[in-house]
Amino acid sequence: MRVMLELVKGGHRLHQGTYEINDDTTFGAACADVWFNVREQCAAKATSIGELMDTMHDSVIDELNGAEIRLRKL
């Protein structure tokens, strides 16, 4: 089924996308896409090489901590 997946934290949208989700594999692929996009957003904010290295690991988890996943059937 086609769904709108939105990731929200503190009232701000971190990611929104439309995905075809039919099982655990396609749900996992959608979540992997969200991870990739959030990681890219964190990397874009980095102002030094050290911060950029952190975005590969901890800052993505920090960004996702407390976030809410919302799904809506389309």
N, C-alpha and C. Protein backbone atom coordinates (compact mmCIF):
# COMPACT_ATOMS: atom_id res chain seq x y z
N MET A 1 0.83 -1.17 0.00
CA MET A 1 0.00 0.00 0.00
C MET A 1 0.88 1.24 0.00
N ARG A 2 0.39 2.28 -0.55
CA ARG A 2 1.12 3.53 -0.64
C ARG A 2 0.83 4.36 0.62
N VAL A 3 1.91 4.83 1.27
CA VAL A 3 1.75 5.60 2.50
C VAL A 3 2.63 6.84 2.47
N MET A 4 2.18 7.84 3.21
CA MET A 4 2.98 9.04 3.46
C MET A 4 3.65 8.80 4.80
N LEU A 5 4.98 8.83 4.84
CA LEU A 5 5.73 8.66 6.07
C LEU A 5 6.33 10.01 6.42
N GLU A 6 6.06 10.43 7.64
CA GLU A 6 6.54 11.73 8.10
C GLU A 6 7.27 11.52 9.43
N LEU A 7 8.41 12.16 9.58
CA LEU A 7 9.18 12.11 10.81
C LEU A 7 9.16 13.50 11.41
N VAL A 8 8.64 13.61 12.64
CA VAL A 8 8.45 14.90 13.29
C VAL A 8 9.13 14.88 14.65
N LYS A 9 9.80 15.98 14.98
CA LYS A 9 10.43 16.11 16.29
C LYS A 9 10.23 17.53 16.78
N GLY A 10 9.63 17.66 17.95
CA GLY A 10 9.41 18.98 18.53
C GLY A 10 8.58 19.89 17.65
N GLY A 11 7.63 19.31 16.92
CA GLY A 11 6.77 20.11 16.05
C GLY A 11 7.38 20.47 14.71
N HIS A 12 8.62 20.04 14.45
CA HIS A 12 9.28 20.34 13.19
C HIS A 12 9.43 19.07 12.36
N ARG A 13 9.14 19.14 11.09
CA ARG A 13 9.25 18.00 10.20
C ARG A 13 10.72 17.79 9.83
N LEU A 14 11.22 16.59 10.13
CA LEU A 14 12.58 16.22 9.75
C LEU A 14 12.61 15.58 8.37
N HIS A 15 11.53 14.89 8.04
CA HIS A 15 11.46 14.19 6.74
C HIS A 15 10.01 13.89 6.41
N GLN A 16 9.72 13.90 5.13
CA GLN A 16 8.41 13.47 4.64
C GLN A 16 8.62 12.82 3.29
N GLY A 17 7.99 11.69 3.07
CA GLY A 17 8.12 11.01 1.79
C GLY A 17 6.98 10.04 1.58
N THR A 18 6.78 9.66 0.33
CA THR A 18 5.75 8.70 -0.04
C THR A 18 6.45 7.39 -0.39
N TYR A 19 5.94 6.29 0.17
CA TYR A 19 6.57 4.99 0.01
C TYR A 19 5.52 3.93 -0.27
N GLU A 20 5.95 2.89 -0.94
CA GLU A 20 5.14 1.69 -1.14
C GLU A 20 5.57 0.72 -0.05
N ILE A 21 4.70 0.49 0.93
CA ILE A 21 5.05 -0.39 2.06
C ILE A 21 4.06 -1.55 2.08
N ASN A 22 4.63 -2.76 1.92
CA ASN A 22 3.80 -3.96 1.88
C ASN A 22 4.20 -5.00 2.92
N ASP A 23 5.42 -4.89 3.46
CA ASP A 23 5.91 -5.89 4.40
C ASP A 23 7.08 -5.31 5.19
N ASP A 24 7.71 -6.17 5.99
CA ASP A 24 8.81 -5.69 6.82
C ASP A 24 10.00 -5.20 5.99
N THR A 25 10.22 -5.80 4.85
CA THR A 25 11.34 -5.41 3.99
C THR A 25 11.12 -4.02 3.41
N THR A 26 9.93 -3.74 2.91
CA THR A 26 9.66 -2.42 2.32
C THR A 26 9.55 -1.35 3.41
N PHE A 27 9.07 -1.72 4.61
CA PHE A 27 9.06 -0.77 5.71
C PHE A 27 10.50 -0.44 6.13
N GLY A 28 11.34 -1.46 6.19
CA GLY A 28 12.75 -1.26 6.51
C GLY A 28 13.44 -0.38 5.48
N ALA A 29 13.12 -0.57 4.20
CA ALA A 29 13.71 0.26 3.15
C ALA A 29 13.28 1.72 3.30
N ALA A 30 12.03 1.94 3.66
CA ALA A 30 11.54 3.31 3.88
C ALA A 30 12.28 3.94 5.06
N CYS A 31 12.47 3.19 6.13
CA CYS A 31 13.20 3.70 7.30
C CYS A 31 14.66 3.97 6.95
N ALA A 32 15.25 3.14 6.11
CA ALA A 32 16.63 3.36 5.67
C ALA A 32 16.72 4.66 4.86
N ASP A 33 15.72 4.94 4.06
CA ASP A 33 15.70 6.19 3.30
C ASP A 33 15.61 7.39 4.24
N VAL A 34 14.79 7.27 5.27
CA VAL A 34 14.68 8.33 6.27
C VAL A 34 16.03 8.54 6.94
N TRP A 35 16.71 7.45 7.34
CA TRP A 35 18.02 7.54 7.98
C TRP A 35 19.00 8.29 7.06
N PHE A 36 19.04 7.89 5.79
CA PHE A 36 19.93 8.52 4.82
C PHE A 36 19.67 10.03 4.72
N ASN A 37 18.41 10.40 4.62
CA ASN A 37 18.06 11.81 4.49
C ASN A 37 18.39 12.62 5.74
N VAL A 38 18.14 12.05 6.91
CA VAL A 38 18.47 12.74 8.15
C VAL A 38 19.99 12.88 8.28
N ARG A 39 20.72 11.83 7.89
CA ARG A 39 22.18 11.90 7.93
C ARG A 39 22.70 12.99 7.01
N GLU A 40 22.12 13.13 5.83
CA GLU A 40 22.51 14.18 4.90
C GLU A 40 22.22 15.57 5.47
N GLN A 41 21.08 15.70 6.15
CA GLN A 41 20.74 16.98 6.78
C GLN A 41 21.75 17.32 7.87
N CYS A 42 22.12 16.33 8.67
CA CYS A 42 23.11 16.55 9.74
C CYS A 42 24.46 16.92 9.13
N ALA A 43 24.85 16.25 8.07
CA ALA A 43 26.13 16.54 7.42
C ALA A 43 26.14 17.95 6.85
N ALA A 44 25.01 18.40 6.34
CA ALA A 44 24.93 19.75 5.77
C ALA A 44 25.11 20.82 6.84
N LYS A 45 24.78 20.49 8.09
CA LYS A 45 24.92 21.44 9.18
C LYS A 45 26.34 21.48 9.76
N ALA A 46 27.16 20.47 9.45
CA ALA A 46 28.50 20.36 10.03
C ALA A 46 29.37 21.53 9.56
N THR A 47 30.14 22.07 10.50
CA THR A 47 31.01 23.20 10.17
C THR A 47 32.49 22.85 10.25
N SER A 48 32.79 21.57 10.59
CA SER A 48 34.18 21.15 10.65
C SER A 48 34.27 19.67 10.28
N ILE A 49 35.48 19.19 10.04
CA ILE A 49 35.68 17.78 9.73
C ILE A 49 35.27 16.91 10.92
N GLY A 50 35.58 17.36 12.13
CA GLY A 50 35.19 16.61 13.33
C GLY A 50 33.69 16.46 13.43
N GLU A 51 32.96 17.55 13.19
CA GLU A 51 31.49 17.48 13.22
C GLU A 51 30.98 16.57 12.11
N LEU A 52 31.62 16.63 10.95
CA LEU A 52 31.20 15.78 9.84
C LEU A 52 31.36 14.31 10.20
N MET A 53 32.45 13.95 10.86
CA MET A 53 32.65 12.56 11.30
C MET A 53 31.59 12.16 12.32
N ASP A 54 31.23 13.08 13.20
CA ASP A 54 30.19 12.79 14.18
C ASP A 54 28.85 12.52 13.52
N THR A 55 28.56 13.19 12.40
CA THR A 55 27.27 13.00 11.74
C THR A 55 27.13 11.59 11.21
N MET A 56 28.24 10.92 10.97
CA MET A 56 28.18 9.55 10.47
C MET A 56 27.68 8.60 11.54
N HIS A 57 27.71 9.02 12.80
CA HIS A 57 27.37 8.12 13.89
C HIS A 57 26.37 8.75 14.85
N ASP A 58 26.88 9.49 15.82
CA ASP A 58 26.08 9.95 16.94
C ASP A 58 25.02 10.98 16.59
N SER A 59 25.32 11.94 15.73
CA SER A 59 24.37 13.02 15.52
C SER A 59 23.08 12.56 14.85
N VAL A 60 23.12 11.50 14.06
CA VAL A 60 21.88 10.99 13.47
C VAL A 60 20.99 10.43 14.58
N ILE A 61 21.59 9.67 15.49
CA ILE A 61 20.83 9.13 16.63
C ILE A 61 20.30 10.28 17.47
N ASP A 62 21.13 11.28 17.73
CA ASP A 62 20.69 12.44 18.51
C ASP A 62 19.52 13.14 17.82
N GLU A 63 19.60 13.27 16.52
CA GLU A 63 18.52 13.94 15.76
C GLU A 63 17.23 13.12 15.81
N LEU A 64 17.35 11.80 15.76
CA LEU A 64 16.16 10.93 15.76
C LEU A 64 15.59 10.71 17.17
N ASN A 65 16.40 10.94 18.20
CA ASN A 65 15.96 10.72 19.57
C ASN A 65 14.75 11.61 19.89
N GLY A 66 13.65 10.97 20.24
CA GLY A 66 12.43 11.70 20.57
C GLY A 66 11.55 12.02 19.38
N ALA A 67 11.98 11.61 18.18
CA ALA A 67 11.17 11.88 16.99
C ALA A 67 9.98 10.93 16.92
N GLU A 68 8.99 11.32 16.19
CA GLU A 68 7.75 10.55 16.04
C GLU A 68 7.58 10.21 14.57
N ILE A 69 7.29 8.93 14.28
CA ILE A 69 7.00 8.49 12.92
C ILE A 69 5.49 8.51 12.74
N ARG A 70 5.04 9.19 11.70
CA ARG A 70 3.62 9.21 11.37
C ARG A 70 3.41 8.59 10.00
N LEU A 71 2.44 7.72 9.92
CA LEU A 71 2.10 7.06 8.66
C LEU A 71 0.66 7.40 8.30
N ARG A 72 0.44 7.66 7.02
CA ARG A 72 -0.92 7.94 6.55
C ARG A 72 -1.11 7.23 5.22
N LYS A 73 -2.16 6.40 5.14
CA LYS A 73 -2.47 5.70 3.89
C LYS A 73 -2.90 6.69 2.83
N LEU A 74 -2.42 6.48 1.63
CA LEU A 74 -2.80 7.34 0.50
C LEU A 74 -3.74 6.61 -0.43
